[in-house]
Amino acid sequence: MAQLNTTKELDFLIHETGKDSSTLLAQAVQEGIHILFKRQVTEAYINKHIDREQALLLIGAEELTAVDYAWQAVEKDIAWGLGNA
């Protein structure tokens, strides 16, 4: 995938959506914080800094199920790699 600089990406979004840069930047910050929040909740859950119930409240059942599934796959891969499968 080609890398564009942020200014060109913003210009494209302005042109395609008809929204002004302030609106788009506010949306980008909001969505970025949401992504970072989910990532941090996931990390806290995996590292046992928060329990499953708290993670469920913070990111929801669908996201938590995906995290559990991915983490189980990682654990299986580690066990296989160590010859414990």
C-alpha atoms as a PDB file:
ATOM      1  CA  MET A   1       0.000   0.000   0.000  1.00  0.00           C
ATOM      2  CA  ALA A   2       1.315   3.423  -0.909  1.00  0.00           C
ATOM      3  CA  GLN A   3       2.166   5.744   1.962  1.00  0.00           C
ATOM      4  CA  LEU A   4       0.698   9.234   1.792  1.00  0.00           C
ATOM      5  CA  ASN A   5       1.581  11.950   4.207  1.00  0.00           C
ATOM      6  CA  THR A   6      -1.067  13.060   6.665  1.00  0.00           C
ATOM      7  CA  THR A   7      -1.700  16.362   4.904  1.00  0.00           C
ATOM      8  CA  LYS A   8      -2.475  14.624   1.615  1.00  0.00           C
ATOM      9  CA  GLU A   9      -4.734  12.146   3.398  1.00  0.00           C
ATOM     10  CA  LEU A  10      -6.576  14.997   5.105  1.00  0.00           C
ATOM     11  CA  ASP A  11      -6.919  16.881   1.815  1.00  0.00           C
ATOM     12  CA  PHE A  12      -8.393  13.757   0.219  1.00  0.00           C
ATOM     13  CA  LEU A  13     -10.874  13.349   3.070  1.00  0.00           C
ATOM     14  CA  ILE A  14     -11.918  17.001   2.841  1.00  0.00           C
ATOM     15  CA  HIS A  15     -12.473  16.665  -0.895  1.00  0.00           C
ATOM     16  CA  GLU A  16     -14.325  13.344  -0.726  1.00  0.00           C
ATOM     17  CA  THR A  17     -16.502  13.979   2.325  1.00  0.00           C
ATOM     18  CA  GLY A  18     -17.135  17.698   1.991  1.00  0.00           C
ATOM     19  CA  LYS A  19     -16.343  18.090   5.695  1.00  0.00           C
ATOM     20  CA  ASP A  20     -14.006  20.784   6.966  1.00  0.00           C
ATOM     21  CA  SER A  21     -10.614  19.970   8.441  1.00  0.00           C
ATOM     22  CA  SER A  22     -11.701  20.764  12.019  1.00  0.00           C
ATOM     23  CA  THR A  23     -14.520  18.242  11.838  1.00  0.00           C
ATOM     24  CA  LEU A  24     -12.304  15.590  10.308  1.00  0.00           C
ATOM     25  CA  LEU A  25      -9.509  16.165  12.826  1.00  0.00           C
ATOM     26  CA  ALA A  26     -11.976  15.954  15.722  1.00  0.00           C
ATOM     27  CA  GLN A  27     -13.318  12.689  14.297  1.00  0.00           C
ATOM     28  CA  ALA A  28      -9.765  11.378  13.839  1.00  0.00           C
ATOM     29  CA  VAL A  29      -8.874  12.167  17.453  1.00  0.00           C
ATOM     30  CA  GLN A  30     -12.074  10.538  18.716  1.00  0.00           C
ATOM     31  CA  GLU A  31     -11.547   7.384  16.642  1.00  0.00           C
ATOM     32  CA  GLY A  32      -7.851   7.274  17.497  1.00  0.00           C
ATOM     33  CA  ILE A  33      -8.541   7.490  21.217  1.00  0.00           C
ATOM     34  CA  HIS A  34     -11.130   4.722  20.875  1.00  0.00           C
ATOM     35  CA  ILE A  35      -8.577   2.483  19.153  1.00  0.00           C
ATOM     36  CA  LEU A  36      -5.910   3.246  21.768  1.00  0.00           C
ATOM     37  CA  PHE A  37      -8.438   2.631  24.567  1.00  0.00           C
ATOM     38  CA  LYS A  38      -9.422  -0.783  23.189  1.00  0.00           C
ATOM     39  CA  ARG A  39      -5.761  -1.681  22.745  1.00  0.00           C
ATOM     40  CA  GLN A  40      -4.952  -0.703  26.338  1.00  0.00           C
ATOM     41  CA  VAL A  41      -7.949  -2.571  27.769  1.00  0.00           C
ATOM     42  CA  THR A  42      -6.880  -5.643  25.810  1.00  0.00           C
ATOM     43  CA  GLU A  43      -3.321  -5.379  27.122  1.00  0.00           C
ATOM     44  CA  ALA A  44      -4.528  -4.860  30.692  1.00  0.00           C
ATOM     45  CA  TYR A  45      -6.796  -7.907  30.400  1.00  0.00           C
ATOM     46  CA  ILE A  46      -4.108 -10.148  28.939  1.00  0.00           C
ATOM     47  CA  ASN A  47      -1.628  -9.030  31.597  1.00  0.00           C
ATOM     48  CA  LYS A  48      -4.265  -9.672  34.282  1.00  0.00           C
ATOM     49  CA  HIS A  49      -4.361  -6.041  35.417  1.00  0.00           C
ATOM     50  CA  ILE A  50      -8.146  -6.114  34.984  1.00  0.00           C
ATOM     51  CA  ASP A  51     -10.505  -9.064  35.226  1.00  0.00           C
ATOM     52  CA  ARG A  52     -12.735 -10.455  32.504  1.00  0.00           C
ATOM     53  CA  GLU A  53     -15.854  -8.745  33.847  1.00  0.00           C
ATOM     54  CA  GLN A  54     -14.219  -5.325  33.742  1.00  0.00           C
ATOM     55  CA  ALA A  55     -12.857  -5.939  30.241  1.00  0.00           C
ATOM     56  CA  LEU A  56     -16.329  -7.046  29.170  1.00  0.00           C
ATOM     57  CA  LEU A  57     -17.827  -3.800  30.437  1.00  0.00           C
ATOM     58  CA  LEU A  58     -15.149  -1.722  28.710  1.00  0.00           C
ATOM     59  CA  ILE A  59     -14.902  -3.332  25.266  1.00  0.00           C
ATOM     60  CA  GLY A  60     -17.964  -5.557  24.953  1.00  0.00           C
ATOM     61  CA  ALA A  61     -18.584  -9.242  24.408  1.00  0.00           C
ATOM     62  CA  GLU A  62     -17.720  -9.423  20.716  1.00  0.00           C
ATOM     63  CA  GLU A  63     -14.344  -7.739  21.119  1.00  0.00           C
ATOM     64  CA  LEU A  64     -13.506  -9.736  24.253  1.00  0.00           C
ATOM     65  CA  THR A  65     -14.382 -13.010  22.525  1.00  0.00           C
ATOM     66  CA  ALA A  66     -11.980 -12.106  19.710  1.00  0.00           C
ATOM     67  CA  VAL A  67      -9.254 -11.281  22.257  1.00  0.00           C
ATOM     68  CA  ASP A  68      -9.790 -14.592  24.072  1.00  0.00           C
ATOM     69  CA  TYR A  69      -9.678 -16.523  20.809  1.00  0.00           C
ATOM     70  CA  ALA A  70      -6.479 -14.805  19.666  1.00  0.00           C
ATOM     71  CA  TRP A  71      -4.821 -15.265  23.058  1.00  0.00           C
ATOM     72  CA  GLN A  72      -5.697 -18.979  23.110  1.00  0.00           C
ATOM     73  CA  ALA A  73      -4.119 -19.330  19.660  1.00  0.00           C
ATOM     74  CA  VAL A  74      -0.945 -17.641  20.904  1.00  0.00           C
ATOM     75  CA  GLU A  75      -0.807 -19.943  23.926  1.00  0.00           C
ATOM     76  CA  LYS A  76      -1.264 -23.015  21.693  1.00  0.00           C
ATOM     77  CA  ASP A  77       1.503 -21.811  19.368  1.00  0.00           C
ATOM     78  CA  ILE A  78       3.853 -21.275  22.316  1.00  0.00           C
ATOM     79  CA  ALA A  79       3.056 -24.737  23.696  1.00  0.00           C
ATOM     80  CA  TRP A  80       3.636 -26.284  20.275  1.00  0.00           C
ATOM     81  CA  GLY A  81       6.908 -24.387  19.887  1.00  0.00           C
ATOM     82  CA  LEU A  82       8.095 -25.650  23.260  1.00  0.00           C
ATOM     83  CA  GLY A  83       7.080 -29.189  22.346  1.00  0.00           C
ATOM     84  CA  ASN A  84       4.283 -29.338  24.896  1.00  0.00           C
ATOM     85  CA  ALA A  85       1.371 -29.674  22.489  1.00  0.00           C
END
